[in-house]
Amino acid sequence: MSKNLYYSIFLLIVTFFWGVTFPLIKVSLEYISPLPFLALRFSVSTIIILPFVLRNRQLRDRKAMIYGFWAGFFLMLGYVFQTIGLLYTSAGASGLITGLYVVILPLISIVYLKTRVNRIIIISSIIAFTGLIIMSTGAFSGALGWFGDILTMICAVAYAANLAYLSKRAAEFDSYVFSFYQLLIVAVFSALAIPFFPGEHFLLNAYVIFTVLFTAIFAGVLAIFVTTKAMIYVEPSVAGIIFVGEPIFAALTSVWLINERLSLYTIIGGTIMVVAIFIVTLSKYMEDRIATSVSRLPET
């Protein structure tokens, strides 16, 4: 088995882990508020990854701290809005809307990274937001569902901003050190924000503990390790296509694990959104293929 295929399979497993987190967290929020949950989850992740970076000289690098802070800040916004949004929207819908970061990323890159965007990206964005509107139509009768979708949409923007920032700054530093600072920032800021939200509840039962450990280890540290290693052998465009599976896994596992019923609006709108995400990643894949083919042409 080639390393490309080997690590592609591992990326698919990681994508499945990410999808499973949505129904797990949805149920956990019945016992623990979003901020305490995030503080626990990312504290565990930070403690686990600490031994791998403790002797790394870049851990004390001032630039690594500053850039890691901002990357962690965007990541923290994403997780906070996503987790709070899960209080009001379904786990399946949350996974589908979160997946829109794939479509939003190129749009942010126009401004931040000064990259060009083709018509396919623009068309895909229109298709994706059309799917979002259709999916959210089912929530119009309940304002809280619509509110949850808006929060999750902000989460997708924050994730896209995090990825855009990483693409510009992360290459300058060791990936584990950069990941450590991101995890640390989410843990610290989530904990510091708890006193500002009165009425937070905290029941640490077996289900919550399992979810914290699962998300911290499998969807956190392990996912970071696998993606960091896999990206050496797997083309980014191929990885992007694999990551399209996250919202699909989120919807399917929500039905399987917590018997969540997907409305017709969610199915139709979600399908349109997944198609838009797939178009973007497939377009990027074809661009990379064409660029590779051209670079291999003999010089004349």
C-alpha atoms as a PDB file:
ATOM      1  CA  MET A   1       0.000   0.000   0.000  1.00  0.00           C
ATOM      2  CA  SER A   2       1.426   3.399  -0.991  1.00  0.00           C
ATOM      3  CA  LYS A   3       1.924   6.057   1.685  1.00  0.00           C
ATOM      4  CA  ASN A   4      -0.455   8.317  -0.234  1.00  0.00           C
ATOM      5  CA  LEU A   5      -3.290   5.782   0.060  1.00  0.00           C
ATOM      6  CA  TYR A   6      -2.246   4.806   3.597  1.00  0.00           C
ATOM      7  CA  TYR A   7      -2.480   8.351   4.942  1.00  0.00           C
ATOM      8  CA  SER A   8      -5.585   9.126   2.878  1.00  0.00           C
ATOM      9  CA  ILE A   9      -7.346   6.323   4.780  1.00  0.00           C
ATOM     10  CA  PHE A  10      -6.152   7.789   8.084  1.00  0.00           C
ATOM     11  CA  LEU A  11      -7.449  11.229   7.032  1.00  0.00           C
ATOM     12  CA  LEU A  12     -10.826   9.651   6.314  1.00  0.00           C
ATOM     13  CA  ILE A  13     -10.845   8.111   9.806  1.00  0.00           C
ATOM     14  CA  VAL A  14      -9.997  11.507  11.331  1.00  0.00           C
ATOM     15  CA  THR A  15     -12.804  13.079   9.301  1.00  0.00           C
ATOM     16  CA  PHE A  16     -15.167  10.461  10.738  1.00  0.00           C
ATOM     17  CA  PHE A  17     -14.010  11.339  14.272  1.00  0.00           C
ATOM     18  CA  TRP A  18     -14.739  15.013  13.576  1.00  0.00           C
ATOM     19  CA  GLY A  19     -18.221  14.129  12.341  1.00  0.00           C
ATOM     20  CA  VAL A  20     -18.987  11.993  15.407  1.00  0.00           C
ATOM     21  CA  THR A  21     -18.176  14.876  17.754  1.00  0.00           C
ATOM     22  CA  PHE A  22     -21.325  16.778  16.747  1.00  0.00           C
ATOM     23  CA  PRO A  23     -23.926  14.358  18.211  1.00  0.00           C
ATOM     24  CA  LEU A  24     -21.669  13.570  21.190  1.00  0.00           C
ATOM     25  CA  ILE A  25     -21.308  17.236  22.123  1.00  0.00           C
ATOM     26  CA  LYS A  26     -24.998  17.892  21.447  1.00  0.00           C
ATOM     27  CA  VAL A  27     -25.989  15.395  24.159  1.00  0.00           C
ATOM     28  CA  SER A  28     -23.212  16.505  26.540  1.00  0.00           C
ATOM     29  CA  LEU A  29     -24.556  20.059  26.496  1.00  0.00           C
ATOM     30  CA  GLU A  30     -27.597  18.785  28.392  1.00  0.00           C
ATOM     31  CA  TYR A  31     -25.287  18.358  31.395  1.00  0.00           C
ATOM     32  CA  ILE A  32     -22.511  20.918  30.919  1.00  0.00           C
ATOM     33  CA  SER A  33     -22.461  24.432  29.459  1.00  0.00           C
ATOM     34  CA  PRO A  34     -20.412  25.186  26.317  1.00  0.00           C
ATOM     35  CA  LEU A  35     -17.604  27.199  27.950  1.00  0.00           C
ATOM     36  CA  PRO A  36     -16.794  24.739  30.779  1.00  0.00           C
ATOM     37  CA  PHE A  37     -16.899  21.923  28.224  1.00  0.00           C
ATOM     38  CA  LEU A  38     -14.455  23.695  25.904  1.00  0.00           C
ATOM     39  CA  ALA A  39     -12.189  24.611  28.823  1.00  0.00           C
ATOM     40  CA  LEU A  40     -12.037  20.956  29.900  1.00  0.00           C
ATOM     41  CA  ARG A  41     -11.653  19.584  26.383  1.00  0.00           C
ATOM     42  CA  PHE A  42      -8.815  21.857  25.343  1.00  0.00           C
ATOM     43  CA  SER A  43      -7.070  21.668  28.712  1.00  0.00           C
ATOM     44  CA  VAL A  44      -6.842  17.907  28.246  1.00  0.00           C
ATOM     45  CA  SER A  45      -5.562  18.359  24.676  1.00  0.00           C
ATOM     46  CA  THR A  46      -2.975  20.900  25.830  1.00  0.00           C
ATOM     47  CA  ILE A  47      -1.710  18.628  28.615  1.00  0.00           C
ATOM     48  CA  ILE A  48      -1.422  15.671  26.209  1.00  0.00           C
ATOM     49  CA  ILE A  49       0.562  17.581  23.581  1.00  0.00           C
ATOM     50  CA  LEU A  50       2.792  19.398  26.121  1.00  0.00           C
ATOM     51  CA  PRO A  51       5.436  16.604  26.449  1.00  0.00           C
ATOM     52  CA  PHE A  52       5.953  16.672  22.660  1.00  0.00           C
ATOM     53  CA  VAL A  53       6.878  20.370  22.642  1.00  0.00           C
ATOM     54  CA  LEU A  54       8.391  20.936  26.086  1.00  0.00           C
ATOM     55  CA  ARG A  55      11.989  20.716  24.858  1.00  0.00           C
ATOM     56  CA  ASN A  56      11.355  22.523  21.605  1.00  0.00           C
ATOM     57  CA  ARG A  57      13.224  25.841  21.477  1.00  0.00           C
ATOM     58  CA  GLN A  58      10.426  27.456  19.482  1.00  0.00           C
ATOM     59  CA  LEU A  59       8.133  27.083  22.485  1.00  0.00           C
ATOM     60  CA  ARG A  60       9.808  30.187  23.915  1.00  0.00           C
ATOM     61  CA  ASP A  61       9.962  32.037  20.609  1.00  0.00           C
ATOM     62  CA  ARG A  62       8.158  35.378  20.925  1.00  0.00           C
ATOM     63  CA  LYS A  63       6.872  35.349  17.334  1.00  0.00           C
ATOM     64  CA  ALA A  64       5.554  31.822  17.765  1.00  0.00           C
ATOM     65  CA  MET A  65       3.652  32.980  20.848  1.00  0.00           C
ATOM     66  CA  ILE A  66       2.143  36.015  19.094  1.00  0.00           C
ATOM     67  CA  TYR A  67       1.171  34.197  15.895  1.00  0.00           C
ATOM     68  CA  GLY A  68      -0.025  31.194  17.899  1.00  0.00           C
ATOM     69  CA  PHE A  69      -2.184  33.536  19.968  1.00  0.00           C
ATOM     70  CA  TRP A  70      -3.983  34.960  16.937  1.00  0.00           C
ATOM     71  CA  ALA A  71      -4.423  31.561  15.316  1.00  0.00           C
ATOM     72  CA  GLY A  72      -5.791  30.277  18.616  1.00  0.00           C
ATOM     73  CA  PHE A  73      -8.061  33.296  18.946  1.00  0.00           C
ATOM     74  CA  PHE A  74      -9.768  32.560  15.605  1.00  0.00           C
ATOM     75  CA  LEU A  75      -9.967  28.872  16.524  1.00  0.00           C
ATOM     76  CA  MET A  76     -11.485  29.775  19.901  1.00  0.00           C
ATOM     77  CA  LEU A  77     -14.166  31.906  18.223  1.00  0.00           C
ATOM     78  CA  GLY A  78     -14.996  28.999  15.929  1.00  0.00           C
ATOM     79  CA  TYR A  79     -15.392  26.472  18.715  1.00  0.00           C
ATOM     80  CA  VAL A  80     -17.303  28.834  21.018  1.00  0.00           C
ATOM     81  CA  PHE A  81     -19.862  29.827  18.370  1.00  0.00           C
ATOM     82  CA  GLN A  82     -20.164  26.234  17.159  1.00  0.00           C
ATOM     83  CA  THR A  83     -20.685  24.784  20.639  1.00  0.00           C
ATOM     84  CA  ILE A  84     -23.159  27.472  21.732  1.00  0.00           C
ATOM     85  CA  GLY A  85     -24.932  27.075  18.393  1.00  0.00           C
ATOM     86  CA  LEU A  86     -25.392  23.370  19.152  1.00  0.00           C
ATOM     87  CA  LEU A  87     -27.655  24.371  22.039  1.00  0.00           C
ATOM     88  CA  TYR A  88     -30.195  25.693  19.541  1.00  0.00           C
ATOM     89  CA  THR A  89     -29.725  23.783  16.287  1.00  0.00           C
ATOM     90  CA  SER A  90     -29.470  20.087  15.471  1.00  0.00           C
ATOM     91  CA  ALA A  91     -26.163  18.217  15.408  1.00  0.00           C
ATOM     92  CA  GLY A  92     -26.666  17.327  11.745  1.00  0.00           C
ATOM     93  CA  ALA A  93     -27.361  20.925  10.741  1.00  0.00           C
ATOM     94  CA  SER A  94     -24.382  22.129  12.763  1.00  0.00           C
ATOM     95  CA  GLY A  95     -22.071  19.745  10.931  1.00  0.00           C
ATOM     96  CA  LEU A  96     -23.388  20.776   7.535  1.00  0.00           C
ATOM     97  CA  ILE A  97     -23.128  24.524   8.218  1.00  0.00           C
ATOM     98  CA  THR A  98     -19.662  24.169   9.757  1.00  0.00           C
ATOM     99  CA  GLY A  99     -18.518  22.508   6.530  1.00  0.00           C
ATOM    100  CA  LEU A 100     -19.110  25.779   4.704  1.00  0.00           C
ATOM    101  CA  TYR A 101     -15.671  26.943   5.884  1.00  0.00           C
ATOM    102  CA  VAL A 102     -14.381  25.176   2.747  1.00  0.00           C
ATOM    103  CA  VAL A 103     -16.397  27.604   0.615  1.00  0.00           C
ATOM    104  CA  ILE A 104     -15.731  30.679   2.783  1.00  0.00           C
ATOM    105  CA  LEU A 105     -11.952  30.152   2.913  1.00  0.00           C
ATOM    106  CA  PRO A 106     -11.284  31.182  -0.709  1.00  0.00           C
ATOM    107  CA  LEU A 107     -13.401  34.314  -0.226  1.00  0.00           C
ATOM    108  CA  ILE A 108     -11.398  35.341   2.852  1.00  0.00           C
ATOM    109  CA  SER A 109      -8.176  34.553   1.006  1.00  0.00           C
ATOM    110  CA  ILE A 110      -9.035  37.208  -1.592  1.00  0.00           C
ATOM    111  CA  VAL A 111      -8.753  39.928   1.050  1.00  0.00           C
ATOM    112  CA  TYR A 112      -6.208  38.478   3.460  1.00  0.00           C
ATOM    113  CA  LEU A 113      -3.888  36.467   1.212  1.00  0.00           C
ATOM    114  CA  LYS A 114      -4.454  38.570  -1.916  1.00  0.00           C
ATOM    115  CA  THR A 115      -5.242  35.465  -3.941  1.00  0.00           C
ATOM    116  CA  ARG A 116      -7.341  35.350  -7.075  1.00  0.00           C
ATOM    117  CA  VAL A 117     -10.660  33.575  -7.081  1.00  0.00           C
ATOM    118  CA  ASN A 118     -12.239  31.949 -10.112  1.00  0.00           C
ATOM    119  CA  ARG A 119     -15.874  31.898 -11.129  1.00  0.00           C
ATOM    120  CA  ILE A 120     -16.370  28.372  -9.815  1.00  0.00           C
ATOM    121  CA  ILE A 121     -15.665  29.573  -6.273  1.00  0.00           C
ATOM    122  CA  ILE A 122     -18.170  32.418  -6.611  1.00  0.00           C
ATOM    123  CA  ILE A 123     -20.820  30.112  -8.075  1.00  0.00           C
ATOM    124  CA  SER A 124     -20.162  27.516  -5.367  1.00  0.00           C
ATOM    125  CA  SER A 125     -20.559  30.192  -2.684  1.00  0.00           C
ATOM    126  CA  ILE A 126     -23.943  31.196  -4.088  1.00  0.00           C
ATOM    127  CA  ILE A 127     -25.006  27.532  -4.237  1.00  0.00           C
ATOM    128  CA  ALA A 128     -23.812  26.923  -0.668  1.00  0.00           C
ATOM    129  CA  PHE A 129     -25.662  29.886   0.807  1.00  0.00           C
ATOM    130  CA  THR A 130     -28.780  28.916  -1.140  1.00  0.00           C
ATOM    131  CA  GLY A 131     -28.575  25.507   0.527  1.00  0.00           C
ATOM    132  CA  LEU A 132     -28.151  27.190   3.903  1.00  0.00           C
ATOM    133  CA  ILE A 133     -31.262  29.302   3.381  1.00  0.00           C
ATOM    134  CA  ILE A 134     -33.285  26.248   2.333  1.00  0.00           C
ATOM    135  CA  MET A 135     -32.045  24.212   5.293  1.00  0.00           C
ATOM    136  CA  SER A 136     -32.755  27.024   7.747  1.00  0.00           C
ATOM    137  CA  THR A 137     -36.263  27.560   6.350  1.00  0.00           C
ATOM    138  CA  GLY A 138     -37.407  24.670   8.508  1.00  0.00           C
ATOM    139  CA  ALA A 139     -36.275  26.640  11.560  1.00  0.00           C
ATOM    140  CA  PHE A 140     -38.265  29.767  10.786  1.00  0.00           C
ATOM    141  CA  SER A 141     -41.124  28.491  12.890  1.00  0.00           C
ATOM    142  CA  GLY A 142     -38.696  28.361  15.811  1.00  0.00           C
ATOM    143  CA  ALA A 143     -36.464  31.400  16.251  1.00  0.00           C
ATOM    144  CA  LEU A 144     -33.961  29.478  18.377  1.00  0.00           C
ATOM    145  CA  GLY A 145     -33.167  27.060  15.548  1.00  0.00           C
ATOM    146  CA  TRP A 146     -32.482  29.954  13.209  1.00  0.00           C
ATOM    147  CA  PHE A 147     -30.364  31.623  15.907  1.00  0.00           C
ATOM    148  CA  GLY A 148     -28.305  28.446  16.260  1.00  0.00           C
ATOM    149  CA  ASP A 149     -27.717  28.327  12.506  1.00  0.00           C
ATOM    150  CA  ILE A 150     -26.478  31.944  12.528  1.00  0.00           C
ATOM    151  CA  LEU A 151     -24.047  31.195  15.369  1.00  0.00           C
ATOM    152  CA  THR A 152     -22.761  28.151  13.494  1.00  0.00           C
ATOM    153  CA  MET A 153     -22.340  30.234  10.352  1.00  0.00           C
ATOM    154  CA  ILE A 154     -20.135  32.638  12.340  1.00  0.00           C
ATOM    155  CA  CYS A 155     -18.212  29.554  13.479  1.00  0.00           C
ATOM    156  CA  ALA A 156     -17.579  28.572   9.832  1.00  0.00           C
ATOM    157  CA  VAL A 157     -16.243  32.083   9.116  1.00  0.00           C
ATOM    158  CA  ALA A 158     -13.937  31.856  12.149  1.00  0.00           C
ATOM    159  CA  TYR A 159     -12.626  28.448  11.064  1.00  0.00           C
ATOM    160  CA  ALA A 160     -11.943  29.812   7.577  1.00  0.00           C
ATOM    161  CA  ALA A 161     -10.114  32.792   9.109  1.00  0.00           C
ATOM    162  CA  ASN A 162      -8.047  30.401  11.227  1.00  0.00           C
ATOM    163  CA  LEU A 163      -7.045  28.359   8.170  1.00  0.00           C
ATOM    164  CA  ALA A 164      -6.197  31.476   6.169  1.00  0.00           C
ATOM    165  CA  TYR A 165      -4.025  32.720   9.016  1.00  0.00           C
ATOM    166  CA  LEU A 166      -2.345  29.318   9.326  1.00  0.00           C
ATOM    167  CA  SER A 167      -1.567  29.209   5.610  1.00  0.00           C
ATOM    168  CA  LYS A 168       0.279  32.520   5.979  1.00  0.00           C
ATOM    169  CA  ARG A 169       2.061  32.013   9.312  1.00  0.00           C
ATOM    170  CA  ALA A 170       2.265  28.341  10.320  1.00  0.00           C
ATOM    171  CA  ALA A 171       5.068  27.366   7.920  1.00  0.00           C
ATOM    172  CA  GLU A 172       7.475  29.548   9.908  1.00  0.00           C
ATOM    173  CA  PHE A 173       7.233  27.362  13.012  1.00  0.00           C
ATOM    174  CA  ASP A 174       7.169  23.774  14.177  1.00  0.00           C
ATOM    175  CA  SER A 175       3.639  22.482  13.617  1.00  0.00           C
ATOM    176  CA  TYR A 176       3.395  20.936  17.090  1.00  0.00           C
ATOM    177  CA  VAL A 177       4.447  24.173  18.811  1.00  0.00           C
ATOM    178  CA  PHE A 178       1.952  26.148  16.743  1.00  0.00           C
ATOM    179  CA  SER A 179      -0.767  23.595  17.531  1.00  0.00           C
ATOM    180  CA  PHE A 180       0.111  23.732  21.245  1.00  0.00           C
ATOM    181  CA  TYR A 181      -0.407  27.487  21.415  1.00  0.00           C
ATOM    182  CA  GLN A 182      -3.723  27.231  19.567  1.00  0.00           C
ATOM    183  CA  LEU A 183      -5.020  24.561  21.947  1.00  0.00           C
ATOM    184  CA  LEU A 184      -3.758  26.530  24.958  1.00  0.00           C
ATOM    185  CA  ILE A 185      -5.464  29.761  23.850  1.00  0.00           C
ATOM    186  CA  VAL A 186      -8.834  28.028  23.392  1.00  0.00           C
ATOM    187  CA  ALA A 187      -8.535  26.402  26.844  1.00  0.00           C
ATOM    188  CA  VAL A 188      -7.489  29.607  28.641  1.00  0.00           C
ATOM    189  CA  PHE A 189      -9.994  31.957  27.004  1.00  0.00           C
ATOM    190  CA  SER A 190     -12.866  29.497  27.460  1.00  0.00           C
ATOM    191  CA  ALA A 191     -12.045  29.239  31.167  1.00  0.00           C
ATOM    192  CA  LEU A 192     -11.646  33.003  31.628  1.00  0.00           C
ATOM    193  CA  ALA A 193     -15.015  33.683  29.971  1.00  0.00           C
ATOM    194  CA  ILE A 194     -17.006  31.378  32.277  1.00  0.00           C
ATOM    195  CA  PRO A 195     -17.616  34.005  35.059  1.00  0.00           C
ATOM    196  CA  PHE A 196     -19.137  36.379  32.492  1.00  0.00           C
ATOM    197  CA  PHE A 197     -21.927  33.922  31.664  1.00  0.00           C
ATOM    198  CA  PRO A 198     -24.073  33.446  34.782  1.00  0.00           C
ATOM    199  CA  GLY A 199     -26.178  30.328  35.043  1.00  0.00           C
ATOM    200  CA  GLU A 200     -23.554  27.982  33.637  1.00  0.00           C
ATOM    201  CA  HIS A 201     -24.250  24.379  34.638  1.00  0.00           C
ATOM    202  CA  PHE A 202     -21.598  21.742  35.249  1.00  0.00           C
ATOM    203  CA  LEU A 203     -22.460  18.077  35.741  1.00  0.00           C
ATOM    204  CA  LEU A 204     -19.438  15.849  35.194  1.00  0.00           C
ATOM    205  CA  ASN A 205     -21.037  12.444  34.566  1.00  0.00           C
ATOM    206  CA  ALA A 206     -19.689   9.449  32.631  1.00  0.00           C
ATOM    207  CA  TYR A 207     -21.101  10.662  29.305  1.00  0.00           C
ATOM    208  CA  VAL A 208     -19.529  14.122  29.600  1.00  0.00           C
ATOM    209  CA  ILE A 209     -16.176  12.644  30.652  1.00  0.00           C
ATOM    210  CA  PHE A 210     -16.237  10.274  27.668  1.00  0.00           C
ATOM    211  CA  THR A 211     -17.065  13.127  25.279  1.00  0.00           C
ATOM    212  CA  VAL A 212     -14.341  15.361  26.712  1.00  0.00           C
ATOM    213  CA  LEU A 213     -11.735  12.597  26.365  1.00  0.00           C
ATOM    214  CA  PHE A 214     -12.919  11.537  22.907  1.00  0.00           C
ATOM    215  CA  THR A 215     -12.920  15.066  21.507  1.00  0.00           C
ATOM    216  CA  ALA A 216      -9.636  15.950  23.224  1.00  0.00           C
ATOM    217  CA  ILE A 217      -7.752  12.817  22.148  1.00  0.00           C
ATOM    218  CA  PHE A 218      -9.253  11.513  18.902  1.00  0.00           C
ATOM    219  CA  ALA A 219     -10.726  14.703  17.402  1.00  0.00           C
ATOM    220  CA  GLY A 220      -7.983  16.864  18.909  1.00  0.00           C
ATOM    221  CA  VAL A 221      -4.419  15.679  19.480  1.00  0.00           C
ATOM    222  CA  LEU A 222      -4.627  12.552  17.293  1.00  0.00           C
ATOM    223  CA  ALA A 223      -6.289  14.511  14.496  1.00  0.00           C
ATOM    224  CA  ILE A 224      -3.553  17.152  14.617  1.00  0.00           C
ATOM    225  CA  PHE A 225      -0.821  14.489  14.570  1.00  0.00           C
ATOM    226  CA  VAL A 226      -2.388  12.563  11.675  1.00  0.00           C
ATOM    227  CA  THR A 227      -3.138  15.612   9.522  1.00  0.00           C
ATOM    228  CA  THR A 228       0.337  17.052  10.142  1.00  0.00           C
ATOM    229  CA  LYS A 229       1.953  13.774   9.056  1.00  0.00           C
ATOM    230  CA  ALA A 230      -0.512  13.019   6.262  1.00  0.00           C
ATOM    231  CA  MET A 231      -0.075  16.356   4.529  1.00  0.00           C
ATOM    232  CA  ILE A 232       3.510  15.330   3.726  1.00  0.00           C
ATOM    233  CA  TYR A 233       2.230  12.550   1.465  1.00  0.00           C
ATOM    234  CA  VAL A 234      -1.337  13.569   0.521  1.00  0.00           C
ATOM    235  CA  GLU A 235      -1.986  16.481  -1.826  1.00  0.00           C
ATOM    236  CA  PRO A 236      -3.943  19.313  -0.172  1.00  0.00           C
ATOM    237  CA  SER A 237      -6.592  19.150  -2.899  1.00  0.00           C
ATOM    238  CA  VAL A 238      -7.100  15.424  -2.243  1.00  0.00           C
ATOM    239  CA  ALA A 239      -7.283  16.075   1.509  1.00  0.00           C
ATOM    240  CA  GLY A 240      -9.906  18.741   0.822  1.00  0.00           C
ATOM    241  CA  ILE A 241     -12.105  16.211  -0.952  1.00  0.00           C
ATOM    242  CA  ILE A 242     -11.724  13.798   1.978  1.00  0.00           C
ATOM    243  CA  PHE A 243     -12.700  16.540   4.461  1.00  0.00           C
ATOM    244  CA  VAL A 244     -16.009  16.979   2.596  1.00  0.00           C
ATOM    245  CA  GLY A 245     -17.013  13.836   4.477  1.00  0.00           C
ATOM    246  CA  GLU A 246     -17.131  15.685   7.828  1.00  0.00           C
ATOM    247  CA  PRO A 247     -20.626  17.214   7.429  1.00  0.00           C
ATOM    248  CA  ILE A 248     -21.867  13.966   5.904  1.00  0.00           C
ATOM    249  CA  PHE A 249     -20.554  11.919   8.839  1.00  0.00           C
ATOM    250  CA  ALA A 250     -22.008  14.507  11.238  1.00  0.00           C
ATOM    251  CA  ALA A 251     -25.491  14.127   9.752  1.00  0.00           C
ATOM    252  CA  LEU A 252     -25.369  10.321   9.532  1.00  0.00           C
ATOM    253  CA  THR A 253     -23.981   9.763  13.036  1.00  0.00           C
ATOM    254  CA  SER A 254     -26.555  12.188  14.457  1.00  0.00           C
ATOM    255  CA  VAL A 255     -29.276   9.925  13.098  1.00  0.00           C
ATOM    256  CA  TRP A 256     -27.461   6.773  14.197  1.00  0.00           C
ATOM    257  CA  LEU A 257     -26.283   7.752  17.688  1.00  0.00           C
ATOM    258  CA  ILE A 258     -28.970  10.094  19.022  1.00  0.00           C
ATOM    259  CA  ASN A 259     -31.902   9.255  16.713  1.00  0.00           C
ATOM    260  CA  GLU A 260     -31.988  12.792  15.369  1.00  0.00           C
ATOM    261  CA  ARG A 261     -34.574  13.253  12.635  1.00  0.00           C
ATOM    262  CA  LEU A 262     -33.423  15.168   9.597  1.00  0.00           C
ATOM    263  CA  SER A 263     -36.196  17.318   8.176  1.00  0.00           C
ATOM    264  CA  LEU A 264     -36.815  17.520   4.447  1.00  0.00           C
ATOM    265  CA  TYR A 265     -35.411  21.063   4.510  1.00  0.00           C
ATOM    266  CA  THR A 266     -32.221  19.821   6.182  1.00  0.00           C
ATOM    267  CA  ILE A 267     -31.799  16.979   3.686  1.00  0.00           C
ATOM    268  CA  ILE A 268     -32.369  19.151   0.608  1.00  0.00           C
ATOM    269  CA  GLY A 269     -30.442  22.184   1.858  1.00  0.00           C
ATOM    270  CA  GLY A 270     -27.663  20.042   3.302  1.00  0.00           C
ATOM    271  CA  THR A 271     -27.273  18.116   0.056  1.00  0.00           C
ATOM    272  CA  ILE A 272     -26.961  21.388  -1.874  1.00  0.00           C
ATOM    273  CA  MET A 273     -24.339  22.632   0.586  1.00  0.00           C
ATOM    274  CA  VAL A 274     -22.304  19.408   0.345  1.00  0.00           C
ATOM    275  CA  VAL A 275     -22.443  19.635  -3.461  1.00  0.00           C
ATOM    276  CA  ALA A 276     -21.115  23.210  -3.265  1.00  0.00           C
ATOM    277  CA  ILE A 277     -18.301  22.137  -0.934  1.00  0.00           C
ATOM    278  CA  PHE A 278     -17.447  19.244  -3.242  1.00  0.00           C
ATOM    279  CA  ILE A 279     -17.371  21.531  -6.302  1.00  0.00           C
ATOM    280  CA  VAL A 280     -14.861  23.824  -4.580  1.00  0.00           C
ATOM    281  CA  THR A 281     -12.561  20.991  -3.521  1.00  0.00           C
ATOM    282  CA  LEU A 282     -12.833  19.218  -6.879  1.00  0.00           C
ATOM    283  CA  SER A 283     -12.046  22.474  -8.679  1.00  0.00           C
ATOM    284  CA  LYS A 284      -8.939  22.914  -6.521  1.00  0.00           C
ATOM    285  CA  TYR A 285      -7.972  19.296  -7.186  1.00  0.00           C
ATOM    286  CA  MET A 286      -8.240  19.782 -10.965  1.00  0.00           C
ATOM    287  CA  GLU A 287      -6.246  23.045 -10.800  1.00  0.00           C
ATOM    288  CA  ASP A 288      -3.439  21.310  -8.918  1.00  0.00           C
ATOM    289  CA  ARG A 289      -3.467  18.405 -11.370  1.00  0.00           C
ATOM    290  CA  ILE A 290      -3.236  20.735 -14.352  1.00  0.00           C
ATOM    291  CA  ALA A 291      -0.453  22.756 -12.703  1.00  0.00           C
ATOM    292  CA  THR A 292       1.485  19.550 -11.960  1.00  0.00           C
ATOM    293  CA  SER A 293       1.056  18.311 -15.528  1.00  0.00           C
ATOM    294  CA  VAL A 294       2.279  21.616 -16.969  1.00  0.00           C
ATOM    295  CA  SER A 295       5.325  21.669 -14.677  1.00  0.00           C
ATOM    296  CA  ARG A 296       6.294  18.205 -15.934  1.00  0.00           C
ATOM    297  CA  LEU A 297       6.208  19.186 -19.610  1.00  0.00           C
ATOM    298  CA  PRO A 298       9.678  19.177 -21.210  1.00  0.00           C
ATOM    299  CA  GLU A 299      11.162  22.571 -21.925  1.00  0.00           C
ATOM    300  CA  THR A 300      11.363  23.582 -25.573  1.00  0.00           C
END
